């Protein structure tokens, strides 16, 4: 696989991961606007649960991004090492 292809894949993965993270943050912000417009005391238990769920979702996206970044870095480093050894 060429370096150009690896870089293209890396950029696409990072772009999609960042978009997913932004979407989750946007979803969270929209939810919070809705929640803040309601009476907090009526919804406090549900709000806390929903916030925890959204936070876990955002953390999962970040973990997936970190894993993908490490894999891409490993691929690009292996490619660089192979080229150096030639």
C-alpha atoms as a PDB file:
ATOM      1  CA  UNK A   1       0.000   0.000   0.000  1.00  0.00           C
ATOM      2  CA  UNK A   2       1.447   3.364  -0.957  1.00  0.00           C
ATOM      3  CA  UNK A   3       2.110   6.170   1.491  1.00  0.00           C
ATOM      4  CA  UNK A   4      -0.371   8.320  -0.415  1.00  0.00           C
ATOM      5  CA  UNK A   5      -3.101   5.702   0.091  1.00  0.00           C
ATOM      6  CA  UNK A   6      -2.273   5.354   3.787  1.00  0.00           C
ATOM      7  CA  UNK A   7      -2.398   9.114   4.260  1.00  0.00           C
ATOM      8  CA  UNK A   8      -5.713   9.298   2.438  1.00  0.00           C
ATOM      9  CA  UNK A   9      -7.176   6.550   4.652  1.00  0.00           C
ATOM     10  CA  UNK A  10      -5.802   8.234   7.765  1.00  0.00           C
ATOM     11  CA  UNK A  11      -7.296  11.583   6.800  1.00  0.00           C
ATOM     12  CA  UNK A  12     -10.686  10.042   6.000  1.00  0.00           C
ATOM     13  CA  UNK A  13     -10.777   8.171   9.313  1.00  0.00           C
ATOM     14  CA  UNK A  14      -9.786  11.247  11.294  1.00  0.00           C
ATOM     15  CA  UNK A  15     -12.300  13.412   9.438  1.00  0.00           C
ATOM     16  CA  UNK A  16     -15.115  10.922  10.037  1.00  0.00           C
ATOM     17  CA  UNK A  17     -14.127  10.470  13.685  1.00  0.00           C
ATOM     18  CA  UNK A  18     -14.042  14.216  14.306  1.00  0.00           C
ATOM     19  CA  UNK A  19     -17.415  14.585  12.585  1.00  0.00           C
ATOM     20  CA  UNK A  20     -18.912  11.840  14.749  1.00  0.00           C
ATOM     21  CA  UNK A  21     -17.520  13.463  17.883  1.00  0.00           C
ATOM     22  CA  UNK A  22     -18.892  16.873  16.840  1.00  0.00           C
ATOM     23  CA  UNK A  23     -22.277  15.277  16.113  1.00  0.00           C
ATOM     24  CA  UNK A  24     -22.369  13.746  19.598  1.00  0.00           C
ATOM     25  CA  UNK A  25     -21.388  17.041  21.203  1.00  0.00           C
ATOM     26  CA  UNK A  26     -24.021  18.840  19.147  1.00  0.00           C
ATOM     27  CA  UNK A  27     -26.590  16.235  20.192  1.00  0.00           C
ATOM     28  CA  UNK A  28     -25.613  16.790  23.815  1.00  0.00           C
ATOM     29  CA  UNK A  29     -25.853  20.588  23.485  1.00  0.00           C
ATOM     30  CA  UNK A  30     -29.290  20.372  21.869  1.00  0.00           C
ATOM     31  CA  UNK A  31     -30.449  18.064  24.612  1.00  0.00           C
ATOM     32  CA  UNK A  32     -29.155  20.425  27.289  1.00  0.00           C
ATOM     33  CA  UNK A  33     -30.975  23.387  25.731  1.00  0.00           C
ATOM     34  CA  UNK A  34     -34.179  21.372  25.799  1.00  0.00           C
ATOM     35  CA  UNK A  35     -33.588  20.267  29.378  1.00  0.00           C
ATOM     36  CA  UNK A  36     -32.761  23.754  30.597  1.00  0.00           C
ATOM     37  CA  UNK A  37     -36.037  25.050  29.202  1.00  0.00           C
ATOM     38  CA  UNK A  38     -37.948  22.626  31.449  1.00  0.00           C
ATOM     39  CA  UNK A  39     -38.353  22.474  35.178  1.00  0.00           C
ATOM     40  CA  UNK A  40     -35.147  20.865  36.457  1.00  0.00           C
ATOM     41  CA  UNK A  41     -36.711  19.355  39.580  1.00  0.00           C
ATOM     42  CA  UNK A  42     -39.176  17.309  37.535  1.00  0.00           C
ATOM     43  CA  UNK A  43     -36.473  15.784  35.378  1.00  0.00           C
ATOM     44  CA  UNK A  44     -33.388  15.665  37.592  1.00  0.00           C
ATOM     45  CA  UNK A  45     -32.987  11.858  37.790  1.00  0.00           C
ATOM     46  CA  UNK A  46     -33.553  11.359  34.079  1.00  0.00           C
ATOM     47  CA  UNK A  47     -31.276  14.263  33.225  1.00  0.00           C
ATOM     48  CA  UNK A  48     -28.385  12.824  35.198  1.00  0.00           C
ATOM     49  CA  UNK A  49     -28.817   9.426  33.543  1.00  0.00           C
ATOM     50  CA  UNK A  50     -29.022  10.984  30.078  1.00  0.00           C
ATOM     51  CA  UNK A  51     -25.946  13.133  30.683  1.00  0.00           C
ATOM     52  CA  UNK A  52     -23.990  10.096  31.851  1.00  0.00           C
ATOM     53  CA  UNK A  53     -25.107   8.156  28.763  1.00  0.00           C
ATOM     54  CA  UNK A  54     -24.098  10.992  26.443  1.00  0.00           C
ATOM     55  CA  UNK A  55     -20.747  11.398  28.201  1.00  0.00           C
ATOM     56  CA  UNK A  56     -20.048   7.674  27.811  1.00  0.00           C
ATOM     57  CA  UNK A  57     -20.950   7.905  24.142  1.00  0.00           C
ATOM     58  CA  UNK A  58     -18.544  10.815  23.640  1.00  0.00           C
ATOM     59  CA  UNK A  59     -15.816   8.943  25.551  1.00  0.00           C
ATOM     60  CA  UNK A  60     -16.352   5.871  23.346  1.00  0.00           C
ATOM     61  CA  UNK A  61     -15.984   7.976  20.207  1.00  0.00           C
ATOM     62  CA  UNK A  62     -12.750   9.464  21.579  1.00  0.00           C
ATOM     63  CA  UNK A  63     -11.415   6.001  22.461  1.00  0.00           C
ATOM     64  CA  UNK A  64     -12.218   4.739  18.966  1.00  0.00           C
ATOM     65  CA  UNK A  65     -10.464   7.762  17.492  1.00  0.00           C
ATOM     66  CA  UNK A  66      -7.400   7.073  19.656  1.00  0.00           C
ATOM     67  CA  UNK A  67      -7.341   3.399  18.613  1.00  0.00           C
ATOM     68  CA  UNK A  68      -7.665   4.278  14.930  1.00  0.00           C
ATOM     69  CA  UNK A  69      -4.953   6.910  15.218  1.00  0.00           C
ATOM     70  CA  UNK A  70      -2.570   4.400  16.842  1.00  0.00           C
ATOM     71  CA  UNK A  71      -3.304   1.824  14.137  1.00  0.00           C
ATOM     72  CA  UNK A  72      -2.732   4.368  11.388  1.00  0.00           C
ATOM     73  CA  UNK A  73       0.478   5.563  13.022  1.00  0.00           C
ATOM     74  CA  UNK A  74       1.644   1.963  13.280  1.00  0.00           C
ATOM     75  CA  UNK A  75       0.854   1.382   9.604  1.00  0.00           C
ATOM     76  CA  UNK A  76       2.617   4.548   8.500  1.00  0.00           C
ATOM     77  CA  UNK A  77       5.619   3.858  10.744  1.00  0.00           C
ATOM     78  CA  UNK A  78       5.890   0.290   9.421  1.00  0.00           C
ATOM     79  CA  UNK A  79       5.772   1.648   5.885  1.00  0.00           C
ATOM     80  CA  UNK A  80       8.493   4.197   6.682  1.00  0.00           C
ATOM     81  CA  UNK A  81      10.682   1.519   8.327  1.00  0.00           C
ATOM     82  CA  UNK A  82      10.253  -0.799   5.333  1.00  0.00           C
ATOM     83  CA  UNK A  83      11.292   1.990   2.983  1.00  0.00           C
ATOM     84  CA  UNK A  84      14.333   2.808   5.158  1.00  0.00           C
ATOM     85  CA  UNK A  85      15.451  -0.838   5.140  1.00  0.00           C
ATOM     86  CA  UNK A  86      15.400  -1.048   1.335  1.00  0.00           C
END
